[in-house]
Amino acid sequence: MGWHYRKTLRVGPFRVNLSRHGVGHSFGNRRFQVTTTPDGRRHVSVRLPGGFHVGKTFGGHRRPYDRWRHY
């Protein structure tokens, strides 16, 4: 069984996300957000009125072993 940890520190529109994988950070508001993950990926998301959500991830590397991926 794995263990998880996540803690978010907020300072205005900035957030620092602490997890067992490392430190990530995000910037934005309710409608537009840019997130950088501990492994270097960047995720940009936009929330539109009516419940629509659009997101795109850029760059980074996968972890060497992904337990959800079947080889």
N, C-alpha and C. Protein backbone atom coordinates (compact mmCIF):
# COMPACT_ATOMS: atom_id res chain seq x y z
N MET A 1 0.84 -1.16 0.00
CA MET A 1 0.00 0.00 0.00
C MET A 1 0.89 1.23 0.00
N GLY A 2 0.60 2.19 -0.86
CA GLY A 2 1.39 3.41 -0.95
C GLY A 2 0.91 4.46 0.04
N TRP A 3 1.72 5.48 0.20
CA TRP A 3 1.34 6.58 1.07
C TRP A 3 1.35 7.87 0.28
N HIS A 4 0.54 8.80 0.70
CA HIS A 4 0.39 10.07 0.01
C HIS A 4 0.52 11.21 1.00
N TYR A 5 1.01 12.33 0.51
CA TYR A 5 1.09 13.54 1.32
C TYR A 5 0.95 14.72 0.39
N ARG A 6 0.15 15.67 0.80
CA ARG A 6 0.03 16.91 0.03
C ARG A 6 -0.33 18.04 0.97
N LYS A 7 0.39 19.12 0.84
CA LYS A 7 0.14 20.32 1.63
C LYS A 7 0.27 21.51 0.70
N THR A 8 -0.70 22.42 0.74
CA THR A 8 -0.69 23.59 -0.11
C THR A 8 -0.59 24.84 0.75
N LEU A 9 0.36 25.70 0.41
CA LEU A 9 0.52 26.98 1.08
C LEU A 9 0.09 28.08 0.11
N ARG A 10 -0.83 28.92 0.51
CA ARG A 10 -1.35 29.97 -0.37
C ARG A 10 -0.86 31.35 0.06
N VAL A 11 -0.46 32.13 -0.95
CA VAL A 11 -0.07 33.52 -0.73
C VAL A 11 -0.66 34.31 -1.90
N GLY A 12 -1.84 34.85 -1.72
CA GLY A 12 -2.52 35.56 -2.81
C GLY A 12 -2.82 34.60 -3.95
N PRO A 13 -2.46 34.98 -5.19
CA PRO A 13 -2.73 34.10 -6.33
C PRO A 13 -1.67 33.00 -6.49
N PHE A 14 -0.64 32.99 -5.63
CA PHE A 14 0.42 31.99 -5.71
C PHE A 14 0.15 30.85 -4.75
N ARG A 15 0.51 29.63 -5.17
CA ARG A 15 0.40 28.46 -4.31
C ARG A 15 1.67 27.64 -4.43
N VAL A 16 2.13 27.14 -3.30
CA VAL A 16 3.26 26.21 -3.27
C VAL A 16 2.69 24.88 -2.80
N ASN A 17 2.89 23.85 -3.60
CA ASN A 17 2.34 22.53 -3.32
C ASN A 17 3.46 21.59 -2.90
N LEU A 18 3.36 21.07 -1.70
CA LEU A 18 4.35 20.13 -1.17
C LEU A 18 3.76 18.73 -1.21
N SER A 19 4.51 17.79 -1.76
CA SER A 19 4.06 16.40 -1.81
C SER A 19 5.26 15.49 -1.63
N ARG A 20 5.04 14.20 -1.57
CA ARG A 20 6.16 13.29 -1.41
C ARG A 20 7.02 13.21 -2.67
N HIS A 21 6.52 13.71 -3.80
CA HIS A 21 7.29 13.73 -5.04
C HIS A 21 8.14 14.98 -5.18
N GLY A 22 7.89 16.00 -4.35
CA GLY A 22 8.68 17.22 -4.41
C GLY A 22 7.82 18.45 -4.22
N VAL A 23 8.34 19.57 -4.72
CA VAL A 23 7.68 20.85 -4.57
C VAL A 23 7.23 21.34 -5.94
N GLY A 24 5.97 21.71 -6.05
CA GLY A 24 5.44 22.30 -7.27
C GLY A 24 4.88 23.67 -6.91
N HIS A 25 4.54 24.44 -7.93
CA HIS A 25 3.93 25.73 -7.65
C HIS A 25 2.91 26.07 -8.71
N SER A 26 1.97 26.92 -8.36
CA SER A 26 0.93 27.33 -9.29
C SER A 26 0.62 28.80 -9.11
N PHE A 27 0.05 29.36 -10.16
CA PHE A 27 -0.32 30.75 -10.18
C PHE A 27 -1.62 30.86 -10.95
N GLY A 28 -2.51 31.69 -10.47
CA GLY A 28 -3.73 31.92 -11.22
C GLY A 28 -4.91 32.23 -10.32
N ASN A 29 -6.06 32.22 -10.95
CA ASN A 29 -7.30 32.47 -10.24
C ASN A 29 -8.30 31.38 -10.59
N ARG A 30 -9.57 31.65 -10.36
CA ARG A 30 -10.59 30.63 -10.58
C ARG A 30 -10.74 30.29 -12.06
N ARG A 31 -10.50 31.21 -12.96
CA ARG A 31 -10.71 31.00 -14.39
C ARG A 31 -9.47 30.51 -15.15
N PHE A 32 -8.27 30.94 -14.75
CA PHE A 32 -7.04 30.61 -15.48
C PHE A 32 -5.96 30.24 -14.48
N GLN A 33 -5.27 29.11 -14.74
CA GLN A 33 -4.26 28.66 -13.81
C GLN A 33 -3.10 28.00 -14.55
N VAL A 34 -1.87 28.28 -14.09
CA VAL A 34 -0.66 27.66 -14.62
C VAL A 34 0.01 26.94 -13.46
N THR A 35 0.30 25.66 -13.64
CA THR A 35 0.89 24.84 -12.59
C THR A 35 2.18 24.21 -13.10
N THR A 36 3.20 24.18 -12.25
CA THR A 36 4.44 23.46 -12.54
C THR A 36 4.56 22.33 -11.52
N THR A 37 4.68 21.10 -12.00
CA THR A 37 4.75 19.93 -11.13
C THR A 37 6.19 19.68 -10.68
N PRO A 38 6.39 18.85 -9.66
CA PRO A 38 7.76 18.57 -9.20
C PRO A 38 8.66 17.95 -10.26
N ASP A 39 8.10 17.24 -11.23
CA ASP A 39 8.95 16.63 -12.26
C ASP A 39 9.15 17.53 -13.48
N GLY A 40 8.69 18.79 -13.41
CA GLY A 40 8.98 19.75 -14.47
C GLY A 40 7.89 19.96 -15.49
N ARG A 41 6.80 19.21 -15.42
CA ARG A 41 5.72 19.42 -16.38
C ARG A 41 4.98 20.71 -16.05
N ARG A 42 4.43 21.34 -17.06
CA ARG A 42 3.60 22.53 -16.87
C ARG A 42 2.20 22.22 -17.36
N HIS A 43 1.22 22.62 -16.58
CA HIS A 43 -0.18 22.40 -16.94
C HIS A 43 -0.89 23.74 -16.93
N VAL A 44 -1.54 24.06 -18.04
CA VAL A 44 -2.31 25.29 -18.16
C VAL A 44 -3.77 24.90 -18.25
N SER A 45 -4.62 25.51 -17.43
CA SER A 45 -6.04 25.19 -17.47
C SER A 45 -6.87 26.46 -17.47
N VAL A 46 -7.99 26.37 -18.18
CA VAL A 46 -8.94 27.47 -18.29
C VAL A 46 -10.32 26.92 -17.98
N ARG A 47 -11.01 27.58 -17.07
CA ARG A 47 -12.38 27.21 -16.74
C ARG A 47 -13.31 28.25 -17.35
N LEU A 48 -14.28 27.77 -18.10
CA LEU A 48 -15.21 28.65 -18.78
C LEU A 48 -16.58 28.59 -18.10
N PRO A 49 -17.40 29.61 -18.29
CA PRO A 49 -18.75 29.58 -17.71
C PRO A 49 -19.53 28.38 -18.24
N GLY A 50 -20.39 27.86 -17.42
CA GLY A 50 -21.21 26.71 -17.83
C GLY A 50 -20.58 25.38 -17.48
N GLY A 51 -19.47 25.39 -16.74
CA GLY A 51 -18.86 24.14 -16.31
C GLY A 51 -17.84 23.55 -17.26
N PHE A 52 -17.46 24.27 -18.30
CA PHE A 52 -16.47 23.76 -19.24
C PHE A 52 -15.07 23.99 -18.71
N HIS A 53 -14.18 23.02 -18.97
CA HIS A 53 -12.81 23.09 -18.50
C HIS A 53 -11.90 22.60 -19.61
N VAL A 54 -10.86 23.37 -19.92
CA VAL A 54 -9.89 23.00 -20.94
C VAL A 54 -8.52 23.04 -20.30
N GLY A 55 -7.73 21.97 -20.52
CA GLY A 55 -6.39 21.93 -19.94
C GLY A 55 -5.40 21.30 -20.90
N LYS A 56 -4.15 21.70 -20.78
CA LYS A 56 -3.08 21.16 -21.62
C LYS A 56 -1.82 21.04 -20.79
N THR A 57 -1.10 19.91 -20.93
CA THR A 57 0.14 19.68 -20.21
C THR A 57 1.30 19.73 -21.19
N PHE A 58 2.40 20.36 -20.76
CA PHE A 58 3.58 20.53 -21.60
C PHE A 58 4.81 19.99 -20.91
N GLY A 59 5.69 19.32 -21.67
CA GLY A 59 7.03 18.96 -21.23
C GLY A 59 7.12 17.98 -20.09
N GLY A 60 8.33 17.92 -19.55
CA GLY A 60 8.61 17.05 -18.41
C GLY A 60 8.85 15.62 -18.81
N HIS A 61 9.08 14.80 -17.82
CA HIS A 61 9.37 13.39 -18.04
C HIS A 61 8.46 12.56 -17.17
N ARG A 62 8.18 11.36 -17.64
CA ARG A 62 7.44 10.42 -16.80
C ARG A 62 8.37 9.84 -15.77
N ARG A 63 7.80 9.44 -14.68
CA ARG A 63 8.60 8.74 -13.68
C ARG A 63 9.04 7.40 -14.27
N PRO A 64 10.18 6.86 -13.85
CA PRO A 64 10.68 5.62 -14.44
C PRO A 64 9.68 4.46 -14.35
N TYR A 65 8.92 4.38 -13.28
CA TYR A 65 7.95 3.31 -13.16
C TYR A 65 6.60 3.92 -12.84
N ASP A 66 5.65 3.69 -13.72
CA ASP A 66 4.29 4.18 -13.51
C ASP A 66 3.42 2.97 -13.21
N ARG A 67 2.96 2.84 -11.98
CA ARG A 67 2.25 1.63 -11.58
C ARG A 67 0.90 1.47 -12.26
N TRP A 68 0.38 2.54 -12.84
CA TRP A 68 -0.93 2.44 -13.50
C TRP A 68 -0.79 2.05 -14.96
N ARG A 69 0.40 2.14 -15.51
CA ARG A 69 0.60 1.79 -16.90
C ARG A 69 0.98 0.32 -17.01
N HIS A 70 0.32 -0.40 -17.90
CA HIS A 70 0.60 -1.82 -18.09
C HIS A 70 1.60 -1.99 -19.20
N TYR A 71 2.70 -2.65 -18.91
CA TYR A 71 3.76 -2.83 -19.91
C TYR A 71 3.57 -4.10 -20.68
